[in-house]
Amino acid sequence: MPTSHPRHSITETPPMQAALNELRSRGERIRLGDLVIRGAQVRLQELKEKRDEEARRAELRRDLVKRLHTGEGLDAEAAYEVREHGWTH
């Protein structure tokens, strides 16, 4: 059937076949388009979480640099002790 949308071809590799057979064994109708959409949404969520985590870590690094620069909120004696004797509980 003619279409202006891109077409795709999918080969059921063994891992894909195993996953689809799980659905089939439960009587689920396989709609590859729906599965692709769901997979893309999951992947987008993973990317968002990764980006958010990277942003959080960058903010923590900026905060540390600021503290090191100003000395605010740092215990110099404790830092010296850790440097000389290591971290102990």
Protein backbone atom coordinates (compact mmCIF):
# COMPACT_ATOMS: atom_id res chain seq x y z
CA MET A 1 0.00 0.00 0.00
CA PRO A 2 1.47 3.38 -0.97
CA THR A 3 2.41 5.68 1.90
CA SER A 4 4.34 8.89 2.45
CA HIS A 5 5.68 7.58 5.77
CA PRO A 6 9.02 5.80 6.15
CA ARG A 7 8.84 2.02 6.09
CA HIS A 8 10.86 -0.33 8.27
CA SER A 9 11.69 -4.00 8.12
CA ILE A 10 12.22 -6.01 11.32
CA THR A 11 13.88 -9.40 11.59
CA GLU A 12 12.96 -11.53 14.59
CA THR A 13 16.41 -12.26 15.95
CA PRO A 14 16.54 -14.91 18.69
CA PRO A 15 16.34 -12.37 21.58
CA MET A 16 13.45 -10.53 19.89
CA GLN A 17 11.69 -13.78 19.09
CA ALA A 18 12.01 -14.90 22.73
CA ALA A 19 10.47 -11.64 23.96
CA LEU A 20 7.66 -11.77 21.41
CA ASN A 21 6.99 -15.44 22.13
CA GLU A 22 6.48 -14.49 25.79
CA LEU A 23 3.70 -12.16 24.69
CA ARG A 24 2.28 -14.66 22.24
CA SER A 25 2.17 -17.39 24.90
CA ARG A 26 -0.03 -15.10 26.96
CA GLY A 27 -2.42 -14.64 24.05
CA GLU A 28 -1.29 -11.07 23.35
CA ARG A 29 -1.65 -9.75 19.85
CA ILE A 30 1.70 -8.45 18.64
CA ARG A 31 1.52 -4.86 17.41
CA LEU A 32 5.09 -3.96 16.52
CA GLY A 33 4.24 -0.28 16.10
CA ASP A 34 2.95 -0.12 19.68
CA LEU A 35 6.04 -1.93 20.95
CA VAL A 36 8.33 0.46 19.09
CA ILE A 37 6.49 3.45 20.56
CA ARG A 38 6.69 2.00 24.08
CA GLY A 39 10.38 1.18 23.64
CA ALA A 40 11.10 4.68 22.37
CA GLN A 41 9.25 6.20 25.34
CA VAL A 42 11.22 4.05 27.78
CA ARG A 43 14.48 5.01 26.07
CA LEU A 44 13.57 8.71 26.19
CA GLN A 45 12.86 8.38 29.92
CA GLU A 46 16.25 6.71 30.43
CA LEU A 47 17.96 9.55 28.55
CA LYS A 48 16.09 12.15 30.61
CA GLU A 49 17.10 10.46 33.85
CA LYS A 50 20.72 10.31 32.67
CA ARG A 51 20.65 13.99 31.69
CA ASP A 52 19.07 14.93 35.03
CA GLU A 53 21.72 12.91 36.92
CA GLU A 54 24.51 14.56 34.93
CA ALA A 55 23.03 17.99 35.70
CA ARG A 56 22.77 17.11 39.41
CA ARG A 57 26.40 15.99 39.47
CA ALA A 58 27.51 19.13 37.62
CA GLU A 59 25.71 21.26 40.21
CA LEU A 60 27.42 19.35 43.03
CA ARG A 61 30.80 19.92 41.35
CA ARG A 62 30.07 23.66 40.99
CA ASP A 63 29.07 23.78 44.66
CA LEU A 64 32.28 22.01 45.69
CA VAL A 65 34.42 24.37 43.60
CA LYS A 66 32.65 27.35 45.18
CA ARG A 67 33.22 25.96 48.67
CA LEU A 68 36.87 25.24 47.94
CA HIS A 69 37.30 28.74 46.54
CA THR A 70 35.59 30.53 49.46
CA GLY A 71 36.35 28.03 52.23
CA GLU A 72 32.70 28.32 53.31
CA GLY A 73 31.35 25.19 54.95
CA LEU A 74 34.67 23.36 54.95
CA ASP A 75 36.46 22.00 58.00
CA ALA A 76 40.14 22.50 57.18
CA GLU A 77 41.32 20.46 60.17
CA ALA A 78 39.17 17.48 59.17
CA ALA A 79 40.37 17.71 55.56
CA TYR A 80 44.01 17.79 56.73
CA GLU A 81 43.41 14.79 59.01
CA VAL A 82 41.86 12.77 56.18
CA ARG A 83 44.72 13.71 53.90
CA GLU A 84 47.33 12.65 56.45
CA HIS A 85 45.64 9.60 58.00
CA GLY A 86 43.01 8.46 55.52
CA TRP A 87 39.30 8.05 56.02
CA THR A 88 38.32 5.96 59.05
CA HIS A 89 34.99 5.32 60.69
